[in-house]
Protein backbone atom coordinates (compact mmCIF):
# COMPACT_ATOMS: atom_id res chain seq x y z
CA MET A 1 -0.15 -0.06 -0.24
CA ASN A 2 1.08 3.74 -0.94
CA TRP A 3 1.32 6.68 1.67
CA THR A 4 1.52 9.54 0.14
CA LEU A 5 1.78 13.14 1.70
CA GLU A 6 -0.79 15.32 -0.32
CA VAL A 7 -1.34 18.43 2.03
CA VAL A 8 0.90 20.00 4.66
CA VAL A 9 -1.20 23.25 6.46
CA VAL A 10 0.73 26.21 6.56
CA PRO A 11 -0.35 28.58 9.38
CA VAL A 12 -0.65 32.15 8.15
CA SER A 13 -2.24 35.54 9.87
CA ASP A 14 -3.15 37.08 6.31
CA VAL A 15 -4.56 34.85 3.50
CA GLU A 16 -4.72 37.27 0.62
CA ARG A 17 -1.01 38.15 1.52
CA ALA A 18 -0.08 34.37 1.87
CA LYS A 19 -2.04 33.77 -1.32
CA ALA A 20 -0.42 36.42 -3.40
CA PHE A 21 3.61 35.14 -2.09
CA TYR A 22 2.73 31.76 -2.78
CA ALA A 23 1.31 32.31 -6.16
CA ASP A 24 2.64 35.58 -7.76
CA GLN A 25 5.94 35.05 -6.03
CA LEU A 26 6.80 31.62 -5.60
CA GLY A 27 4.78 29.97 -8.95
CA PHE A 28 2.40 27.76 -6.93
CA ALA A 29 -0.60 26.83 -8.78
CA VAL A 30 -3.94 27.82 -6.83
CA ASP A 31 -5.81 24.68 -6.82
CA HIS A 32 -9.21 25.85 -5.31
CA ASP A 33 -10.20 29.06 -2.81
CA THR A 34 -13.05 28.08 -1.17
CA VAL A 35 -15.08 30.31 1.42
CA ILE A 36 -16.96 28.25 3.98
CA SER A 37 -18.27 30.79 5.79
CA GLU A 38 -17.02 34.41 7.00
CA ASP A 39 -14.36 32.22 9.98
CA ALA A 40 -13.63 29.65 7.31
CA ARG A 41 -11.80 29.52 4.17
CA VAL A 42 -9.15 27.40 2.54
CA VAL A 43 -6.87 27.94 -0.36
CA GLN A 44 -4.85 25.14 -1.99
CA LEU A 45 -1.77 25.72 -3.71
CA THR A 46 0.89 23.53 -5.39
CA PRO A 47 4.38 23.92 -6.52
CA PRO A 48 5.34 23.07 -9.81
CA GLY A 49 5.78 19.78 -10.51
CA SER A 50 4.82 18.03 -6.86
CA GLY A 51 2.68 15.72 -5.52
CA CYS A 52 2.31 17.54 -2.53
CA SER A 53 0.29 20.91 -1.82
CA ILE A 54 -0.26 23.19 0.86
CA VAL A 55 -3.09 24.80 2.44
CA ILE A 56 -3.45 28.39 3.55
CA GLY A 57 -6.61 29.29 5.09
CA LYS A 58 -8.68 31.21 7.95
CA GLY A 59 -10.25 28.77 10.85
CA MET A 60 -8.18 25.83 10.47
CA VAL A 61 -5.61 25.00 13.07
CA PRO A 62 -6.08 27.23 15.94
CA GLN A 63 -2.68 25.50 17.55
CA MET A 64 -0.38 26.51 14.88
CA PRO A 65 0.21 30.26 15.59
CA PRO A 66 1.14 31.93 11.99
CA GLY A 67 4.80 31.64 11.36
CA SER A 68 5.06 28.44 13.44
CA LEU A 69 6.05 26.12 10.91
CA LYS A 70 9.73 25.52 10.13
CA GLY A 71 11.74 23.27 7.73
CA LEU A 72 9.73 22.77 5.10
CA GLN A 73 11.52 21.69 2.15
CA LEU A 74 11.38 21.87 -1.88
CA VAL A 75 13.72 19.99 -3.99
CA VAL A 76 14.86 21.13 -7.68
CA PRO A 77 17.03 19.94 -10.04
CA ASP A 78 19.17 23.07 -10.75
CA LEU A 79 19.72 25.73 -7.36
CA HIS A 80 21.23 28.53 -9.59
CA LYS A 81 18.20 28.67 -11.82
CA ALA A 82 15.77 27.98 -8.80
CA ARG A 83 17.44 31.18 -6.96
CA ALA A 84 17.46 33.44 -9.54
CA GLU A 85 13.54 32.77 -10.06
CA LEU A 86 13.21 33.55 -7.01
CA VAL A 87 14.96 36.30 -6.82
CA GLU A 88 13.78 37.76 -10.24
CA ARG A 89 10.30 37.04 -8.32
CA GLY A 90 11.10 39.27 -5.31
CA VAL A 91 11.85 36.89 -2.62
CA GLU A 92 14.68 37.22 -0.05
CA VAL A 93 16.41 33.97 -0.32
CA SER A 94 19.95 33.40 0.89
CA GLU A 95 22.80 32.72 -0.81
CA ILE A 96 23.69 29.37 -1.96
CA GLN A 97 24.95 27.19 1.03
CA VAL A 98 26.92 24.04 0.87
CA LEU A 99 25.76 21.66 4.17
CA GLY A 100 28.21 18.64 4.76
CA GLU A 101 29.94 16.51 1.94
CA ASN A 102 28.26 14.55 -0.28
CA PRO A 103 27.84 11.16 0.66
CA ARG A 104 28.21 9.40 -2.88
CA PRO A 105 29.64 10.50 -6.03
CA VAL A 106 26.78 12.68 -7.79
CA PRO A 107 26.99 14.16 -11.56
CA ASP A 108 26.72 18.05 -9.37
CA PRO A 109 28.83 19.18 -6.62
CA LEU A 110 25.47 21.02 -5.10
CA ASP A 111 23.96 17.54 -5.51
CA ASN A 112 22.17 16.88 -2.16
CA VAL A 113 24.02 19.10 -0.18
CA GLY A 114 23.31 22.75 -1.92
CA PHE A 115 20.17 24.57 -0.66
CA VAL A 116 18.97 28.07 -0.23
CA PHE A 117 16.53 29.49 2.25
CA PHE A 118 13.55 31.68 2.46
CA ALA A 119 10.65 32.25 4.40
CA ASP A 120 7.07 33.54 3.87
CA PRO A 121 5.64 36.95 4.84
CA ASP A 122 4.47 34.78 8.71
CA GLY A 123 8.19 33.77 8.89
CA ASN A 124 7.08 30.15 7.99
CA THR A 125 10.50 28.79 6.60
CA TRP A 126 11.55 26.77 3.66
CA GLY A 127 14.46 25.35 2.18
CA VAL A 128 15.41 24.27 -1.16
CA GLN A 129 17.39 21.42 -2.49
CA GLN A 130 19.14 20.84 -5.40
CA ILE A 131 19.13 17.06 -6.54
CA SER A 132 19.67 17.06 -10.14
CA GLU A 133 18.30 13.17 -10.53
CA ARG A 134 14.80 14.15 -10.12
CA GLY A 135 14.77 16.96 -12.98
């Protein structure tokens, strides 16, 4: 039996601001934006090529304060290109960092160990790792 991770809830304080950040600045597709009531709204967004989406909204998970999700991770085949795209879209992103040594021979020295980091407007943090074999 397959067990697939399909959705991660990302706690935000302002749904419109977060939706604009994830859709317009990161390029995530807006799968749906559903207003359930005055106190409940669900917006699902999916990174390009991903099988897992994020959900932001209102009235969802009160025990998760906005900005409390740390360490979400995206994987890309070309970290230089991904970082340039984030910068072009106005995202404050770190320089490329190499964390550790490659555990095995790889086609590119950044594979597995190359990362950049950014945060959404609420302070939820993301890492972007290069693994070129998945591209």
